Amino acid sequence: MKVLIFSATTGGGHMRAANALKEYIMQKEPDSIVRIEDTIEYASPILNKAVTEGYVYMATKTPKMYGTFYKTIDKDSPMNKPFEIAVKQYRKKFIPLIDDFSPDIIVTTHPVGTEMASVLKNKENMHIPIISILTDFAAHQTYVNEGVDAYIVSCTEMIGQLMLRGVGNAKILPYGIPVKQEFFKKIDRREAMESEGLNPDVPTLLLMAGSFGVTDVLKIYHKIVKSECDFQIVAIKGKNEKLYETFVKYLSKLTLNNTLFEFDLQRPDKSSMKLSRHKKPFKPTKLLYYTNEVEKYMQIADLIVTKPGGLTVSESIATGLPMGIFKAIPGQEEQNADYLIRSGMAVRLEKTNQCTQTINDLMSHPEKLQHMRECIDRSSCGNSSEQIYELMQELIEKYSDVQ
């Protein structure tokens, strides 16, 4: 099987989904050839730099403006025209790629990739099946294009949303967003916690802080680390150097003032810091600069505090981990949060004081966390990569029979 995946680096989750699907295909069919192409970068590195930097700036500096822009392009609007013109202009660059690689199927995890694949199929008479994977929990018009054979959505609510945008019901499949297979593997929780220096008899809060602003994280941590409820914290900074250094300085001040923490900074890559509690009220905390074992920490945690990006949410669902959603960006993150809260899988963490109260309430009432886990189990679409892989085989066979 030769698979071409059109993705993009805007937001990060699109590439993670592409790589998760690639890993599954290679596990099932080692002689397959799977190529992931950053669609915007391939079209124009200059354009890619402008788009990715523009996205980051709008999402972090002017979130309300980004939310307005996101809603505007979810319908027929003059703002969509430059995007459509650019795709048509750059499509010629992709013809040699298609001719040389000769894929059996094209999968897209970003709307630009979907648009490009659709234009190539219709303008260049490309006889190749196309699967479009929507990497959030609400539909958006930019994913809808003529020539797409199947739309993979993350929840059943999105079926009706896509149908309102003109997509036929038979083409919409609620398989979920692909995540690494490690998120589905069960581990010995007690053994894993003991190996990480965590107390398996104490509730654990996972703080995925890399996508937050530095001030936001410190405000959250400052409140919860002093709260009366008994739990421990794992904080992952996600290669955010500024956040990590600021966090270390903050914790150092607590140590100097209160002599409450022991630091372990022996690892040269600065990837781990262990803090041990000597007396109340401060929480024992494990600080990670970066880890490639997020799935392990999700499986041992009782609650995750995170922004509601489509991939992080999907990974949490795969591990059955209840979510506390903080500071969702207007647009897809806000829509993701709304869905998760409606479905009972998450709670919204509002202002810092309310945030602490909500976290304490959940961590001191395991029955509430158990109810959230049951909601996650009911809402889960299962192993997305497995279902997409089977669909790919069906579409390839269907197209080969027509030729």
Foldseek 3Di string as FASTA:
>chain_A
DEEEEEFAPAPNQLVQLLVQLVVVCCVVPVVYHYHYDDVQVLLPVVRNVCVNVVSVCCQPPPLVVVLVVQVQQLDDDPVCVVLLVSLLVSLVSCVVVCVVRVGLAYEYSDLSSQSNVQCCCVVVVDLHAYEYEDLFQEDGLSNDHPRHQAYEHQFPVRLVVVVVSPDDSVRYHPQHGAHHPLLQDDDDLCVLQVVVVHHLVFAEEEEAAQPDDLVVVCLQLVLQQQDQFTHAYEYENAQPVVSVVVVVVVVVVVCVVPVAWDWDQPDPVSAWTWTHGDDDDGHTYIYGDDDPPVSSVLLNHLEYEDQQGSHVVLSNLSNLHAYEHEDHRNHRSVVRVVVLVVLLRYHYQYDSVSNNVVVSVCSVDVVSSVVNSVSSVVGGSPNSSVVVVVVSVVSSVVSVVVD
